[in-house]
Amino acid sequence: MTASTSGAAQRHETRADPCAPTTSDHRKGPRRRGKALVAAIFEATLVELAEHGYAELSMERVACRARASKGSLYRRWPSRAELIGDAMQYNRPTQVEAPDTGNVRDDLLGLLRAMAQRVNAADGDGVRGLLAEAVRDSELTKMVQARFIEPAEAQAMEVLRRGCVRGEVRPSALTHQIAGVGPALLRQQFMVYGAPIPDSVVVEIVDDILMPIIAA
């Protein structure tokens, strides 16, 4: 084993684990109930996601950190994907409105930059994991579409509609397929290359792809 490998292993072994036997057992503390319990579970999920990533996220560690039983988690969320989806929704309870700067290019840049910032954040790994698992799970696909894909396309459509009213966008470009191009290309960039998404990619998507196909 090389010195660098040994050092990495040592750092991994010494990382604090809230449920390790050498620390106090969170489950012995006062139990939360109702909304307080759900909030604690969501917060624990986001912390675990930031520390371990989607692939290594453990329902058991989430339960321990939130001072909850595993049964209480599985009764509400049969899978970790569903739990992470709800936790990220809790972390972002409101949807950012589509930009309205008076210029369709600036609006598209603002919208896609906001989307890129979302996946560049700490829970971006959760989004990536959800998108990957959705390929194999039809029910999860519906959840991902409703929470992540459809809202993004609706915002893009709103930007295009405003541009059409101003004469910047041709009416025939007001389709779900065209509205979904920008968000879809960002998702592809994220799934293939991960985060962060460079701003240069956002600019290229808008200037080289979107503007030519929507121009009046």
Protein backbone atom coordinates (compact mmCIF):
# COMPACT_ATOMS: atom_id res chain seq x y z
CA MET A 1 0.00 0.00 0.00
CA THR A 2 1.38 3.40 -0.96
CA ALA A 3 1.67 6.28 1.48
CA SER A 4 -1.11 8.21 -0.30
CA THR A 5 -3.41 5.17 -0.27
CA SER A 6 -2.65 4.55 3.39
CA GLY A 7 -3.39 8.16 4.23
CA ALA A 8 -6.68 8.07 2.34
CA ALA A 9 -7.68 4.87 4.12
CA GLN A 10 -6.80 6.37 7.48
CA ARG A 11 -8.89 9.47 6.77
CA HIS A 12 -11.82 7.27 5.75
CA GLU A 13 -11.53 5.20 8.91
CA THR A 14 -11.31 8.21 11.21
CA ARG A 15 -14.26 10.11 9.71
CA ALA A 16 -16.84 10.76 12.39
CA ASP A 17 -19.80 8.40 12.30
CA PRO A 18 -22.80 9.52 14.39
CA CYS A 19 -23.89 5.90 14.80
CA ALA A 20 -20.52 4.35 15.59
CA PRO A 21 -20.38 2.32 18.83
CA THR A 22 -17.77 4.67 20.26
CA THR A 23 -20.17 7.61 20.21
CA SER A 24 -23.39 8.23 22.08
CA ASP A 25 -26.42 6.45 20.64
CA HIS A 26 -28.76 9.10 19.24
CA ARG A 27 -31.65 6.65 19.57
CA LYS A 28 -31.40 6.88 23.37
CA GLY A 29 -32.24 10.60 23.28
CA PRO A 30 -35.76 12.04 23.34
CA ARG A 31 -37.83 10.84 20.41
CA ARG A 32 -39.27 13.40 18.00
CA ARG A 33 -42.77 13.02 16.63
CA GLY A 34 -44.96 14.39 13.87
CA LYS A 35 -43.60 17.32 11.85
CA ALA A 36 -40.54 17.60 14.09
CA LEU A 37 -39.61 13.99 13.34
CA VAL A 38 -40.12 14.40 9.59
CA ALA A 39 -38.01 17.58 9.57
CA ALA A 40 -35.26 15.81 11.54
CA ILE A 41 -35.29 12.91 9.06
CA PHE A 42 -35.04 15.25 6.08
CA GLU A 43 -32.19 17.20 7.66
CA ALA A 44 -30.38 13.97 8.54
CA THR A 45 -30.86 12.75 4.97
CA LEU A 46 -29.32 15.89 3.49
CA VAL A 47 -26.35 15.70 5.87
CA GLU A 48 -25.77 12.04 5.04
CA LEU A 49 -26.07 12.83 1.34
CA ALA A 50 -23.45 15.57 1.62
CA GLU A 51 -21.08 13.38 3.65
CA HIS A 52 -21.44 10.02 1.89
CA GLY A 53 -23.02 10.69 -1.51
CA TYR A 54 -26.07 8.99 -2.99
CA ALA A 55 -24.49 5.58 -3.59
CA GLU A 56 -23.37 5.21 0.04
CA LEU A 57 -26.37 6.81 1.73
CA SER A 58 -27.74 4.47 4.39
CA MET A 59 -31.30 4.47 5.70
CA GLU A 60 -29.91 3.08 8.97
CA ARG A 61 -27.54 6.03 9.44
CA VAL A 62 -30.31 8.47 8.58
CA ALA A 63 -32.54 6.89 11.23
CA CYS A 64 -29.75 6.99 13.79
CA ARG A 65 -28.85 10.61 13.09
CA ALA A 66 -32.52 11.66 13.25
CA ARG A 67 -33.10 9.65 16.46
CA ALA A 68 -35.80 7.67 14.67
CA SER A 69 -36.50 4.00 14.20
CA LYS A 70 -35.80 2.36 10.85
CA GLY A 71 -39.42 1.27 10.82
CA SER A 72 -40.61 4.88 10.92
CA LEU A 73 -38.51 5.60 7.84
CA TYR A 74 -39.60 2.59 5.83
CA ARG A 75 -43.28 3.15 6.65
CA ARG A 76 -43.10 6.60 5.08
CA TRP A 77 -40.45 5.99 2.40
CA PRO A 78 -40.15 2.44 1.02
CA SER A 79 -36.92 3.37 -0.74
CA ARG A 80 -34.04 5.78 -0.19
CA ALA A 81 -34.78 7.37 -3.58
CA GLU A 82 -38.23 8.42 -2.39
CA LEU A 83 -36.76 9.69 0.88
CA ILE A 84 -34.13 11.78 -0.90
CA GLY A 85 -36.73 13.16 -3.30
CA ASP A 86 -38.86 14.37 -0.37
CA ALA A 87 -35.81 15.69 1.49
CA MET A 88 -34.72 17.77 -1.47
CA GLN A 89 -38.26 19.08 -1.87
CA TYR A 90 -38.19 20.04 1.82
CA ASN A 91 -34.87 21.79 1.25
CA ARG A 92 -36.41 23.77 -1.62
CA PRO A 93 -40.07 24.28 -0.68
CA THR A 94 -40.70 26.91 -3.35
CA GLN A 95 -40.03 26.90 -7.08
CA VAL A 96 -37.97 29.76 -8.44
CA GLU A 97 -39.97 31.80 -10.94
CA ALA A 98 -38.85 31.94 -14.55
CA PRO A 99 -36.72 35.07 -15.17
CA ASP A 100 -38.43 38.02 -16.88
CA THR A 101 -35.72 40.48 -17.93
CA GLY A 102 -37.41 41.61 -21.14
CA ASN A 103 -34.95 39.68 -23.32
CA VAL A 104 -35.37 36.02 -24.17
CA ARG A 105 -31.64 35.27 -24.29
CA ASP A 106 -31.06 36.75 -20.85
CA ASP A 107 -34.12 34.91 -19.53
CA LEU A 108 -32.86 31.57 -20.85
CA LEU A 109 -29.39 32.20 -19.44
CA GLY A 110 -30.86 33.08 -16.05
CA LEU A 111 -33.11 30.03 -16.03
CA LEU A 112 -30.42 27.53 -17.03
CA ARG A 113 -27.90 29.10 -14.64
CA ALA A 114 -30.38 28.65 -11.79
CA MET A 115 -30.86 25.00 -12.80
CA ALA A 116 -27.11 24.46 -12.98
CA GLN A 117 -26.67 26.03 -9.56
CA ARG A 118 -29.23 23.60 -8.19
CA VAL A 119 -27.36 20.51 -9.30
CA ASN A 120 -24.03 22.09 -8.38
CA ALA A 121 -25.22 22.33 -4.77
CA ALA A 122 -24.50 19.77 -2.06
CA ASP A 123 -27.57 17.66 -2.89
CA GLY A 124 -26.71 17.51 -6.59
CA ASP A 125 -25.42 13.97 -6.04
CA GLY A 126 -28.90 13.07 -4.87
CA VAL A 127 -30.40 14.38 -8.10
CA ARG A 128 -27.87 12.36 -10.10
CA GLY A 129 -28.66 9.20 -8.17
CA LEU A 130 -32.40 9.69 -8.57
CA LEU A 131 -32.05 10.16 -12.33
CA ALA A 132 -29.96 6.99 -12.56
CA GLU A 133 -32.37 4.88 -10.50
CA ALA A 134 -35.37 6.22 -12.42
CA VAL A 135 -34.17 4.36 -15.50
CA ARG A 136 -34.92 1.07 -13.72
CA ASP A 137 -38.05 2.04 -11.78
CA SER A 138 -41.23 3.23 -13.53
CA GLU A 139 -42.81 4.60 -10.35
CA LEU A 140 -39.66 6.52 -9.53
CA THR A 141 -39.62 7.82 -13.10
CA LYS A 142 -43.03 9.40 -12.51
CA MET A 143 -41.78 11.05 -9.32
CA VAL A 144 -38.66 12.43 -11.00
CA GLN A 145 -40.71 13.73 -13.91
CA ALA A 146 -43.21 15.46 -11.61
CA ARG A 147 -40.62 17.01 -9.27
CA PHE A 148 -37.68 17.84 -11.50
CA ILE A 149 -38.36 17.51 -15.21
CA GLU A 150 -41.87 18.93 -15.71
CA PRO A 151 -41.33 22.05 -13.54
CA ALA A 152 -38.14 22.86 -15.47
CA GLU A 153 -39.89 22.45 -18.82
CA ALA A 154 -42.82 24.59 -17.63
CA GLN A 155 -40.44 27.39 -16.67
CA ALA A 156 -38.70 27.20 -20.04
CA MET A 157 -42.06 27.29 -21.80
CA GLU A 158 -43.02 30.42 -19.87
CA VAL A 159 -39.78 32.11 -20.98
CA LEU A 160 -40.52 31.17 -24.61
CA ARG A 161 -44.09 32.43 -24.38
CA ARG A 162 -42.93 35.81 -23.13
CA GLY A 163 -40.36 35.96 -25.90
CA CYS A 164 -43.05 35.14 -28.45
CA VAL A 165 -45.22 38.02 -27.22
CA ARG A 166 -42.24 40.35 -27.69
CA GLY A 167 -41.62 39.02 -31.19
CA GLU A 168 -38.31 37.33 -30.32
CA VAL A 169 -39.54 33.73 -30.57
CA ARG A 170 -41.43 32.19 -33.49
CA PRO A 171 -44.87 30.84 -32.46
CA SER A 172 -44.10 27.37 -33.83
CA ALA A 173 -41.27 27.07 -31.25
CA LEU A 174 -43.78 26.93 -28.41
CA THR A 175 -43.68 23.16 -28.05
CA HIS A 176 -42.86 20.91 -25.12
CA GLN A 177 -40.07 19.34 -27.14
CA ILE A 178 -38.30 22.65 -27.69
CA ALA A 179 -39.01 23.88 -24.14
CA GLY A 180 -37.36 20.72 -22.84
CA VAL A 181 -34.16 21.05 -24.88
CA GLY A 182 -32.24 23.32 -22.48
CA PRO A 183 -33.06 21.40 -19.28
CA ALA A 184 -32.42 18.08 -21.04
CA LEU A 185 -28.97 19.16 -22.22
CA LEU A 186 -28.10 20.31 -18.71
CA ARG A 187 -29.19 16.94 -17.31
CA GLN A 188 -27.08 15.15 -19.92
CA GLN A 189 -24.05 17.27 -19.04
CA PHE A 190 -24.57 16.54 -15.37
CA MET A 191 -25.12 12.81 -15.79
CA VAL A 192 -22.04 12.37 -18.00
CA TYR A 193 -19.58 14.82 -16.46
CA GLY A 194 -20.96 15.52 -13.00
CA ALA A 195 -20.85 18.82 -11.14
CA PRO A 196 -20.05 21.61 -11.32
CA ILE A 197 -21.57 22.51 -14.68
CA PRO A 198 -19.35 25.24 -16.17
CA ASP A 199 -21.07 28.49 -17.06
CA SER A 200 -19.52 28.21 -20.51
CA VAL A 201 -21.71 25.14 -21.11
CA VAL A 202 -24.83 27.11 -20.20
CA VAL A 203 -23.84 29.90 -22.60
CA GLU A 204 -23.15 27.40 -25.41
CA ILE A 205 -26.54 25.73 -24.92
CA VAL A 206 -28.32 29.07 -25.17
CA ASP A 207 -26.30 30.72 -27.94
CA ASP A 208 -25.43 27.74 -30.15
CA ILE A 209 -28.54 25.60 -29.75
CA LEU A 210 -31.57 27.35 -28.28
CA MET A 211 -31.40 30.77 -29.91
CA PRO A 212 -31.06 29.42 -33.48
CA ILE A 213 -34.06 27.08 -33.10
CA ILE A 214 -36.42 29.60 -31.48
CA ALA A 215 -35.55 32.76 -33.40
CA ALA A 216 -38.51 34.50 -35.01
